[in-house]
C-alpha atoms as a PDB file:
ATOM      1  CA  MET A   1      24.388 -49.464  -8.081  1.00  0.00           C
ATOM      2  CA  SER A   2      22.911 -53.194  -8.658  1.00  0.00           C
ATOM      3  CA  ASP A   3      26.348 -54.342  -7.286  1.00  0.00           C
ATOM      4  CA  LEU A   4      25.987 -52.489  -4.068  1.00  0.00           C
ATOM      5  CA  PHE A   5      22.191 -53.376  -3.212  1.00  0.00           C
ATOM      6  CA  THR A   6      22.342 -57.162  -3.642  1.00  0.00           C
ATOM      7  CA  GLU A   7      19.469 -59.506  -1.986  1.00  0.00           C
ATOM      8  CA  GLY A   8      21.898 -61.493  -0.564  1.00  0.00           C
ATOM      9  CA  GLY A   9      23.743 -59.221   1.752  1.00  0.00           C
ATOM     10  CA  SER A  10      27.069 -60.967   0.608  1.00  0.00           C
ATOM     11  CA  GLN A  11      28.937 -57.997   0.406  1.00  0.00           C
ATOM     12  CA  HIS A  12      30.375 -56.019   3.232  1.00  0.00           C
ATOM     13  CA  GLY A  13      29.250 -58.106   6.380  1.00  0.00           C
ATOM     14  CA  GLY A  14      25.526 -57.496   5.590  1.00  0.00           C
ATOM     15  CA  TYR A  15      25.720 -53.521   5.457  1.00  0.00           C
ATOM     16  CA  THR A  16      23.721 -53.587   2.211  1.00  0.00           C
ATOM     17  CA  SER A  17      21.176 -55.967   3.562  1.00  0.00           C
ATOM     18  CA  GLN A  18      20.935 -53.334   6.024  1.00  0.00           C
ATOM     19  CA  CYS A  19      20.622 -50.639   4.190  1.00  0.00           C
ATOM     20  CA  HIS A  20      18.045 -52.863   1.473  1.00  0.00           C
ATOM     21  CA  ARG A  21      15.915 -52.744   4.725  1.00  0.00           C
ATOM     22  CA  LEU A  22      15.963 -49.452   5.651  1.00  0.00           C
ATOM     23  CA  MET A  23      15.484 -48.209   2.625  1.00  0.00           C
ATOM     24  CA  SER A  24      12.365 -50.208   2.160  1.00  0.00           C
ATOM     25  CA  ARG A  25      11.010 -49.032   5.327  1.00  0.00           C
ATOM     26  CA  LEU A  26      11.408 -44.697   4.149  1.00  0.00           C
ATOM     27  CA  PRO A  27       8.850 -43.726   1.938  1.00  0.00           C
ATOM     28  CA  PHE A  28       9.799 -42.957  -1.443  1.00  0.00           C
ATOM     29  CA  THR A  29       9.565 -39.896  -2.669  1.00  0.00           C
ATOM     30  CA  SER A  30      10.863 -38.418  -5.732  1.00  0.00           C
ATOM     31  CA  SER A  31      13.459 -35.871  -5.808  1.00  0.00           C
ATOM     32  CA  THR A  32      14.761 -33.028  -8.216  1.00  0.00           C
ATOM     33  CA  SER A  33      18.223 -30.993  -7.309  1.00  0.00           C
ATOM     34  CA  PHE A  34      19.342 -28.357  -8.630  1.00  0.00           C
ATOM     35  CA  HIS A  35      23.232 -27.115  -9.108  1.00  0.00           C
ATOM     36  CA  THR A  36      23.182 -23.508  -9.035  1.00  0.00           C
ATOM     37  CA  ALA A  37      26.676 -21.713  -9.769  1.00  0.00           C
ATOM     38  CA  THR A  38      28.134 -18.280 -10.254  1.00  0.00           C
ATOM     39  CA  VAL A  39      30.345 -17.848 -12.973  1.00  0.00           C
ATOM     40  CA  PHE A  40      32.653 -14.937 -12.792  1.00  0.00           C
ATOM     41  CA  SER A  41      34.083 -13.059 -15.789  1.00  0.00           C
ATOM     42  CA  SER A  42      37.643 -12.483 -16.738  1.00  0.00           C
ATOM     43  CA  THR A  43      36.566  -8.756 -17.524  1.00  0.00           C
ATOM     44  CA  LEU A  44      35.839  -5.961 -15.163  1.00  0.00           C
ATOM     45  CA  SER A  45      32.739  -4.016 -15.117  1.00  0.00           C
ATOM     46  CA  SER A  46      33.256  -0.494 -15.861  1.00  0.00           C
ATOM     47  CA  VAL A  47      31.477   1.885 -13.617  1.00  0.00           C
ATOM     48  CA  THR A  48      31.452   5.654 -14.705  1.00  0.00           C
ATOM     49  CA  VAL A  49      31.125   7.986 -12.498  1.00  0.00           C
ATOM     50  CA  THR A  50      30.154  11.264 -13.551  1.00  0.00           C
ATOM     51  CA  GLU A  51      30.927  14.806 -11.690  1.00  0.00           C
ATOM     52  CA  GLU A  52      27.947  16.689 -12.607  1.00  0.00           C
ATOM     53  CA  PRO A  53      25.868  16.753  -9.413  1.00  0.00           C
ATOM     54  CA  ASP A  54      22.333  14.679  -8.744  1.00  0.00           C
ATOM     55  CA  SER A  55      19.466  17.116  -9.181  1.00  0.00           C
ATOM     56  CA  LEU A  56      16.932  17.935  -6.265  1.00  0.00           C
ATOM     57  CA  PHE A  57      13.362  18.246  -6.897  1.00  0.00           C
ATOM     58  CA  GLN A  58      11.375  20.672  -4.462  1.00  0.00           C
ATOM     59  CA  LYS A  59       7.798  18.585  -5.441  1.00  0.00           C
ATOM     60  CA  VAL A  60       7.279  16.308  -7.221  1.00  0.00           C
ATOM     61  CA  SER A  61       3.724  16.044  -8.049  1.00  0.00           C
ATOM     62  CA  VAL A  62       1.772  12.516  -9.190  1.00  0.00           C
ATOM     63  CA  LEU A  63      -1.708  12.931 -10.471  1.00  0.00           C
ATOM     64  CA  VAL A  64      -3.078   9.675 -11.824  1.00  0.00           C
ATOM     65  CA  LYS A  65      -6.972  10.009 -13.680  1.00  0.00           C
ATOM     66  CA  GLY A  66      -8.976   7.041 -14.657  1.00  0.00           C
ATOM     67  CA  HIS A  67     -12.969   6.839 -14.862  1.00  0.00           C
ATOM     68  CA  ASP A  68     -12.987   3.658 -12.112  1.00  0.00           C
ATOM     69  CA  LYS A  69     -12.375   5.093  -8.631  1.00  0.00           C
ATOM     70  CA  ALA A  70     -12.046   1.723  -6.704  1.00  0.00           C
ATOM     71  CA  VAL A  71      -9.052   1.044  -9.036  1.00  0.00           C
ATOM     72  CA  LEU A  72      -7.822   4.699  -7.918  1.00  0.00           C
ATOM     73  CA  ASP A  73      -7.655   3.666  -4.344  1.00  0.00           C
ATOM     74  CA  SER A  74      -5.865   0.557  -5.272  1.00  0.00           C
ATOM     75  CA  TYR A  75      -3.380   2.617  -6.990  1.00  0.00           C
ATOM     76  CA  GLU A  76      -2.900   4.966  -4.375  1.00  0.00           C
ATOM     77  CA  PHE A  77      -2.590   2.561  -1.812  1.00  0.00           C
ATOM     78  CA  PHE A  78       0.465   0.618  -3.767  1.00  0.00           C
ATOM     79  CA  ALA A  79       1.921   4.018  -4.680  1.00  0.00           C
ATOM     80  CA  THR A  80       2.356   5.461  -1.027  1.00  0.00           C
ATOM     81  CA  MET A  81       3.310   2.032   0.160  1.00  0.00           C
ATOM     82  CA  ALA A  82       6.192   2.210  -2.517  1.00  0.00           C
ATOM     83  CA  ALA A  83       7.119   5.414  -1.365  1.00  0.00           C
ATOM     84  CA  LYS A  84       7.071   4.653   2.416  1.00  0.00           C
ATOM     85  CA  GLU A  85       9.424   1.080   1.505  1.00  0.00           C
ATOM     86  CA  LEU A  86      11.704   3.759  -0.847  1.00  0.00           C
ATOM     87  CA  GLY A  87      11.756   5.965   2.152  1.00  0.00           C
ATOM     88  CA  ILE A  88      10.417   9.031  -0.118  1.00  0.00           C
ATOM     89  CA  SER A  89       8.358  11.611   2.240  1.00  0.00           C
ATOM     90  CA  ILE A  90       4.847  12.358   0.884  1.00  0.00           C
ATOM     91  CA  SER A  91       3.838  15.991   1.967  1.00  0.00           C
ATOM     92  CA  LYS A  92      -0.183  14.859   0.671  1.00  0.00           C
ATOM     93  CA  VAL A  93      -2.425  12.828  -0.853  1.00  0.00           C
ATOM     94  CA  TYR A  94      -5.678  14.573  -1.902  1.00  0.00           C
ATOM     95  CA  GLU A  95      -8.221  13.939  -4.149  1.00  0.00           C
ATOM     96  CA  PRO A  96      -9.531  16.515  -6.660  1.00  0.00           C
ATOM     97  CA  HIS A  97     -12.514  17.065  -7.950  1.00  0.00           C
ATOM     98  CA  LYS A  98     -14.346  14.725 -10.247  1.00  0.00           C
ATOM     99  CA  ASP A  99     -14.799  15.971 -14.061  1.00  0.00           C
ATOM    100  CA  THR A 100     -18.405  14.571 -14.627  1.00  0.00           C
ATOM    101  CA  GLU A 101     -19.297  14.954 -18.947  1.00  0.00           C
ATOM    102  CA  ARG A 102     -22.960  13.997 -19.876  1.00  0.00           C
ATOM    103  CA  LEU A 103     -23.976  13.419 -23.834  1.00  0.00           C
ATOM    104  CA  THR A 104     -27.319  13.456 -25.107  1.00  0.00           C
ATOM    105  CA  LEU A 105     -27.811  12.119 -28.126  1.00  0.00           C
ATOM    106  CA  LEU A 106     -31.560  10.567 -30.004  1.00  0.00           C
ATOM    107  CA  LYS A 107     -32.509   7.222 -29.373  1.00  0.00           C
ATOM    108  CA  SER A 108     -32.554   6.832 -33.297  1.00  0.00           C
ATOM    109  CA  ILE A 109     -30.898   8.595 -36.130  1.00  0.00           C
ATOM    110  CA  HIS A 110     -33.290  10.516 -38.127  1.00  0.00           C
ATOM    111  CA  ILE A 111     -36.819  10.226 -36.439  1.00  0.00           C
ATOM    112  CA  PHE A 112     -38.537  10.623 -32.969  1.00  0.00           C
ATOM    113  CA  LYS A 113     -36.956  13.940 -31.584  1.00  0.00           C
ATOM    114  CA  LYS A 114     -38.410  13.138 -28.250  1.00  0.00           C
ATOM    115  CA  HIS A 115     -37.072   9.577 -27.418  1.00  0.00           C
ATOM    116  CA  ARG A 116     -33.444  10.336 -26.704  1.00  0.00           C
ATOM    117  CA  VAL A 117     -29.860   8.242 -24.179  1.00  0.00           C
ATOM    118  CA  GLN A 118     -28.112  10.256 -22.266  1.00  0.00           C
ATOM    119  CA  TYR A 119     -24.647   9.110 -21.350  1.00  0.00           C
ATOM    120  CA  GLU A 120     -22.139  10.255 -18.258  1.00  0.00           C
ATOM    121  CA  MET A 121     -18.610   9.672 -18.574  1.00  0.00           C
ATOM    122  CA  ARG A 122     -16.817  10.261 -14.933  1.00  0.00           C
ATOM    123  CA  THR A 123     -13.436  11.133 -14.671  1.00  0.00           C
ATOM    124  CA  TYR A 124     -12.064  10.738 -11.033  1.00  0.00           C
ATOM    125  CA  TYR A 125      -8.382  11.896 -10.179  1.00  0.00           C
ATOM    126  CA  ARG A 126      -5.535  11.419  -7.658  1.00  0.00           C
ATOM    127  CA  CYS A 127      -2.725  13.566  -6.714  1.00  0.00           C
ATOM    128  CA  ILE A 128       0.077  12.604  -4.719  1.00  0.00           C
ATOM    129  CA  GLU A 129       2.737  15.074  -3.448  1.00  0.00           C
ATOM    130  CA  LEU A 130       6.716  14.134  -2.444  1.00  0.00           C
ATOM    131  CA  SER A 131       8.781  16.546  -1.386  1.00  0.00           C
ATOM    132  CA  HIS A 132      12.436  16.730  -1.647  1.00  0.00           C
ATOM    133  CA  ILE A 133      13.951  14.080  -3.296  1.00  0.00           C
ATOM    134  CA  THR A 134      16.750  13.648  -5.308  1.00  0.00           C
ATOM    135  CA  GLY A 135      16.621  13.182  -9.047  1.00  0.00           C
ATOM    136  CA  CYS A 136      18.089   9.580  -8.889  1.00  0.00           C
ATOM    137  CA  THR A 137      15.351   8.524  -6.312  1.00  0.00           C
ATOM    138  CA  ALA A 138      12.737  10.123  -8.343  1.00  0.00           C
ATOM    139  CA  GLN A 139      13.099   8.741 -11.603  1.00  0.00           C
ATOM    140  CA  VAL A 140      13.720   4.984  -9.929  1.00  0.00           C
ATOM    141  CA  TYR A 141      10.255   5.201  -7.837  1.00  0.00           C
ATOM    142  CA  LEU A 142       7.995   7.341 -11.133  1.00  0.00           C
ATOM    143  CA  GLU A 143       9.853   3.845 -13.405  1.00  0.00           C
ATOM    144  CA  TYR A 144       8.336   1.472 -11.043  1.00  0.00           C
ATOM    145  CA  ILE A 145       4.754   2.827 -10.421  1.00  0.00           C
ATOM    146  CA  GLN A 146       4.637   3.635 -14.276  1.00  0.00           C
ATOM    147  CA  ARG A 147       5.002  -0.087 -15.264  1.00  0.00           C
ATOM    148  CA  ASN A 148       2.546  -0.850 -12.218  1.00  0.00           C
ATOM    149  CA  LEU A 149      -0.103   1.459 -13.691  1.00  0.00           C
ATOM    150  CA  PRO A 150      -3.440  -0.542 -14.377  1.00  0.00           C
ATOM    151  CA  GLU A 151      -5.578  -0.342 -17.187  1.00  0.00           C
ATOM    152  CA  GLY A 152      -7.249   2.489 -17.961  1.00  0.00           C
ATOM    153  CA  VAL A 153      -5.386   5.027 -16.135  1.00  0.00           C
ATOM    154  CA  ALA A 154      -3.556   7.584 -16.646  1.00  0.00           C
ATOM    155  CA  MET A 155      -0.580   9.397 -15.556  1.00  0.00           C
ATOM    156  CA  GLU A 156       0.445  12.640 -15.556  1.00  0.00           C
ATOM    157  CA  VAL A 157       4.284  14.144 -13.500  1.00  0.00           C
ATOM    158  CA  THR A 158       5.129  17.476 -12.573  1.00  0.00           C
ATOM    159  CA  ASN A 159       8.859  18.127 -11.017  1.00  0.00           C
ATOM    160  CA  THR A 160       9.892  21.798  -9.386  1.00  0.00           C
ATOM    161  CA  ILE A 161      13.216  21.006  -9.556  1.00  0.00           C
ATOM    162  CA  MET A 162      15.627  23.606  -7.290  1.00  0.00           C
ATOM    163  CA  GLU A 163      18.893  25.157  -8.660  1.00  0.00           C
ATOM    164  CA  LYS A 164      21.348  27.672  -7.588  1.00  0.00           C
ATOM    165  CA  ILE A 165      20.995  31.366  -8.195  1.00  0.00           C
ATOM    166  CA  PRO A 166      23.712  32.240 -10.729  1.00  0.00           C
ATOM    167  CA  ASP A 167      26.426  34.399  -9.727  1.00  0.00           C
ATOM    168  CA  HIS A 168      25.194  37.414 -11.581  1.00  0.00           C
ATOM    169  CA  ILE A 169      22.125  37.156  -9.685  1.00  0.00           C
ATOM    170  CA  LEU A 170      23.812  37.232  -6.763  1.00  0.00           C
ATOM    171  CA  GLU A 171      25.205  40.421  -6.440  1.00  0.00           C
ATOM    172  CA  PRO A 172      22.709  43.236  -6.362  1.00  0.00           C
ATOM    173  CA  MET A 173      23.078  45.421  -9.378  1.00  0.00           C
ATOM    174  CA  TRP A 174      23.486  49.139  -7.743  1.00  0.00           C
ATOM    175  CA  LYS A 175      27.309  47.708  -6.596  1.00  0.00           C
ATOM    176  CA  ASP A 176      27.820  47.840 -10.465  1.00  0.00           C
ATOM    177  CA  HIS A 177      26.528  50.719 -11.190  1.00  0.00           C
ATOM    178  CA  PRO A 178      26.826  53.688  -9.857  1.00  0.00           C
ATOM    179  CA  VAL A 179      23.671  55.527  -8.090  1.00  0.00           C
ATOM    180  CA  ASP A 180      22.889  58.946  -7.705  1.00  0.00           C
ATOM    181  CA  ASP A 181      22.658  60.338  -3.543  1.00  0.00           C
ATOM    182  CA  LYS A 182      20.673  63.235  -5.384  1.00  0.00           C
ATOM    183  CA  PRO A 183      16.693  62.601  -4.950  1.00  0.00           C
ATOM    184  CA  SER A 184      15.198  63.294  -8.664  1.00  0.00           C
ATOM    185  CA  GLN A 185      13.227  66.242  -9.415  1.00  0.00           C
END
Protein backbone atom coordinates (compact mmCIF):
# COMPACT_ATOMS: atom_id res chain seq x y z
CA MET A 1 0.00 0.00 0.00
CA SER A 2 2.95 2.33 0.58
CA ASP A 3 4.08 2.07 -3.03
CA LEU A 4 0.65 3.14 -4.33
CA PHE A 5 0.46 6.36 -2.37
CA THR A 6 3.87 8.00 -2.62
CA GLU A 7 4.46 11.65 -1.85
CA GLY A 8 6.22 12.49 -5.09
CA GLY A 9 3.44 11.28 -7.34
CA SER A 10 5.93 9.81 -9.77
CA GLN A 11 3.99 6.62 -10.44
CA HIS A 12 1.32 6.60 -13.16
CA GLY A 13 1.70 10.25 -14.07
CA GLY A 14 0.53 11.95 -10.90
CA TYR A 15 -2.38 9.59 -10.29
CA THR A 16 -1.24 8.76 -6.77
CA SER A 17 -0.86 12.40 -5.82
CA GLN A 18 -4.44 13.06 -6.88
CA CYS A 19 -5.65 10.11 -4.79
CA HIS A 20 -3.61 11.35 -1.87
CA ARG A 21 -5.15 14.83 -2.13
CA LEU A 22 -8.68 13.39 -2.35
CA MET A 23 -8.11 11.13 0.63
CA SER A 24 -6.78 14.02 2.70
CA ARG A 25 -9.98 16.00 2.07
CA LEU A 26 -12.32 13.17 3.09
CA PRO A 27 -13.07 12.73 6.76
CA PHE A 28 -11.56 9.63 8.27
CA THR A 29 -14.15 7.13 9.42
CA SER A 30 -13.48 3.71 10.73
CA SER A 31 -15.34 1.02 8.90
CA THR A 32 -15.99 -2.61 9.42
CA SER A 33 -17.24 -5.14 6.97
CA PHE A 34 -19.10 -8.32 7.59
CA HIS A 35 -18.98 -11.32 5.36
CA THR A 36 -22.05 -13.46 5.35
CA ALA A 37 -22.01 -16.68 3.46
CA THR A 38 -24.59 -19.37 3.05
CA VAL A 39 -23.30 -22.86 3.58
CA PHE A 40 -25.13 -25.51 1.63
CA SER A 41 -24.96 -29.00 3.00
CA SER A 42 -24.69 -31.94 0.67
CA THR A 43 -27.32 -33.96 2.58
CA LEU A 44 -30.97 -33.19 2.01
CA SER A 45 -33.13 -32.49 5.01
CA SER A 46 -35.96 -34.94 5.41
CA VAL A 47 -39.47 -33.70 6.06
CA THR A 48 -41.91 -36.18 7.51
CA VAL A 49 -45.46 -35.97 6.25
CA THR A 50 -48.15 -37.68 8.25
CA GLU A 51 -51.51 -38.74 6.91
CA GLU A 52 -53.16 -37.84 10.21
CA PRO A 53 -55.42 -34.80 9.79
CA ASP A 54 -54.83 -31.75 11.93
CA SER A 55 -57.19 -31.43 14.89
CA LEU A 56 -59.71 -28.60 14.92
CA PHE A 57 -60.60 -26.73 18.08
CA GLN A 58 -64.02 -25.15 18.39
CA LYS A 59 -62.88 -22.98 21.27
CA VAL A 60 -59.60 -22.36 23.07
CA SER A 61 -59.99 -20.51 26.35
CA VAL A 62 -56.88 -18.87 27.83
CA LEU A 63 -57.36 -17.82 31.46
CA VAL A 64 -54.60 -15.59 32.83
CA LYS A 65 -54.42 -14.67 36.50
CA GLY A 66 -52.15 -12.43 38.53
CA HIS A 67 -51.99 -9.95 41.39
CA ASP A 68 -51.21 -6.81 39.36
CA LYS A 69 -53.99 -5.44 37.16
CA ALA A 70 -51.68 -3.27 35.04
CA VAL A 71 -49.55 -6.29 34.11
CA LEU A 72 -52.66 -8.20 33.05
CA ASP A 73 -53.83 -5.23 30.95
CA SER A 74 -50.50 -5.14 29.15
CA TYR A 75 -50.42 -8.91 28.65
CA GLU A 76 -53.98 -8.93 27.31
CA PHE A 77 -52.98 -6.31 24.73
CA PHE A 78 -49.93 -8.39 23.77
CA ALA A 79 -51.88 -11.66 23.44
CA THR A 80 -54.70 -10.14 21.38
CA MET A 81 -52.24 -8.32 19.12
CA ALA A 82 -50.31 -11.57 18.54
CA ALA A 83 -53.57 -13.37 17.70
CA LYS A 84 -54.53 -10.68 15.20
CA GLU A 85 -51.10 -10.85 13.55
CA LEU A 86 -51.44 -14.63 13.16
CA GLY A 87 -54.96 -14.30 11.76
CA ILE A 88 -56.64 -16.04 14.70
CA SER A 89 -60.25 -15.07 15.35
CA ILE A 90 -60.91 -13.87 18.89
CA SER A 91 -64.49 -14.53 19.97
CA LYS A 92 -64.36 -12.52 23.20
CA VAL A 93 -62.07 -11.06 25.83
CA TYR A 94 -63.52 -10.51 29.26
CA GLU A 95 -62.51 -9.88 32.84
CA PRO A 96 -64.06 -12.21 35.45
CA HIS A 97 -64.59 -10.95 38.98
CA LYS A 98 -61.50 -10.68 41.15
CA ASP A 99 -60.93 -12.93 44.14
CA THR A 100 -60.14 -11.19 47.41
CA GLU A 101 -58.69 -13.16 50.29
CA ARG A 102 -58.33 -11.43 53.66
CA LEU A 103 -56.15 -12.72 56.45
CA THR A 104 -56.36 -11.22 59.95
CA LEU A 105 -53.47 -11.89 62.33
CA LEU A 106 -52.35 -10.67 65.74
CA LYS A 107 -49.62 -8.04 65.66
CA SER A 108 -47.89 -9.73 68.52
CA ILE A 109 -47.68 -13.49 68.59
CA HIS A 110 -48.55 -14.10 72.26
CA ILE A 111 -50.12 -10.98 73.81
CA PHE A 112 -52.25 -7.92 72.97
CA LYS A 113 -55.24 -9.65 71.43
CA LYS A 114 -56.89 -6.31 70.59
CA HIS A 115 -54.08 -5.29 68.23
CA ARG A 116 -54.45 -7.00 64.89
CA VAL A 117 -53.18 -6.54 61.35
CA GLN A 118 -55.14 -7.43 58.23
CA TYR A 119 -53.65 -8.58 54.91
CA GLU A 120 -55.57 -8.64 51.65
CA MET A 121 -54.57 -10.59 48.56
CA ARG A 122 -56.37 -9.78 45.30
CA THR A 123 -56.25 -12.07 42.29
CA TYR A 124 -57.30 -10.57 38.96
CA TYR A 125 -58.34 -12.65 35.97
CA ARG A 126 -58.43 -12.19 32.20
CA CYS A 127 -59.99 -14.64 29.77
CA ILE A 128 -59.26 -14.68 26.04
CA GLU A 129 -61.42 -17.02 23.97
CA LEU A 130 -60.28 -18.03 20.50
CA SER A 131 -62.69 -19.72 18.11
CA HIS A 132 -62.29 -22.18 15.21
CA ILE A 133 -58.54 -22.70 15.30
CA THR A 134 -56.44 -25.60 14.02
CA GLY A 135 -54.25 -27.64 16.32
CA CYS A 136 -50.98 -26.55 14.72
CA THR A 137 -51.91 -22.85 14.89
CA ALA A 138 -53.08 -23.20 18.48
CA GLN A 139 -49.84 -24.92 19.46
CA VAL A 140 -47.68 -22.19 17.90
CA TYR A 141 -49.76 -19.36 19.38
CA LEU A 142 -49.90 -20.86 22.87
CA GLU A 143 -46.18 -21.57 22.92
CA TYR A 144 -45.48 -17.98 21.87
CA ILE A 145 -47.66 -16.36 24.52
CA GLN A 146 -46.47 -18.80 27.21
CA ARG A 147 -42.83 -17.97 26.53
CA ASN A 148 -43.62 -14.27 26.95
CA LEU A 149 -45.64 -14.72 30.13
CA PRO A 150 -44.63 -12.06 32.70
CA GLU A 151 -43.44 -12.89 36.18
CA GLY A 152 -46.15 -13.42 38.76
CA VAL A 153 -48.75 -14.39 36.14
CA ALA A 154 -50.25 -17.86 35.75
CA MET A 155 -51.99 -19.27 32.69
CA GLU A 156 -54.64 -21.96 32.31
CA VAL A 157 -55.67 -23.22 28.85
CA THR A 158 -58.89 -25.12 28.11
CA ASN A 159 -59.44 -26.67 24.66
CA THR A 160 -62.75 -27.78 23.14
CA ILE A 161 -61.87 -30.10 20.27
CA MET A 162 -64.17 -30.96 17.38
CA GLU A 163 -64.25 -34.63 16.41
CA LYS A 164 -66.05 -36.70 13.83
CA ILE A 165 -69.05 -38.60 15.13
CA PRO A 166 -68.25 -42.34 15.18
CA ASP A 167 -70.01 -44.53 12.61
CA HIS A 168 -71.82 -46.65 15.19
CA ILE A 169 -73.54 -43.54 16.55
CA LEU A 170 -74.51 -42.10 13.16
CA GLU A 171 -77.04 -44.82 12.36
CA PRO A 172 -80.09 -45.08 14.60
CA MET A 173 -80.32 -48.09 16.88
CA TRP A 174 -83.82 -49.09 15.75
CA LYS A 175 -82.49 -50.02 12.30
CA ASP A 176 -80.41 -52.82 13.82
CA HIS A 177 -83.05 -54.08 16.26
CA PRO A 178 -86.60 -54.71 15.10
CA VAL A 179 -89.14 -52.78 17.09
CA ASP A 180 -92.66 -54.07 17.61
CA ASP A 181 -95.27 -51.70 16.30
CA LYS A 182 -97.69 -52.87 18.95
CA PRO A 183 -98.16 -50.40 21.78
CA SER A 184 -97.21 -51.62 25.20
CA GLN A 185 -100.05 -52.49 27.56
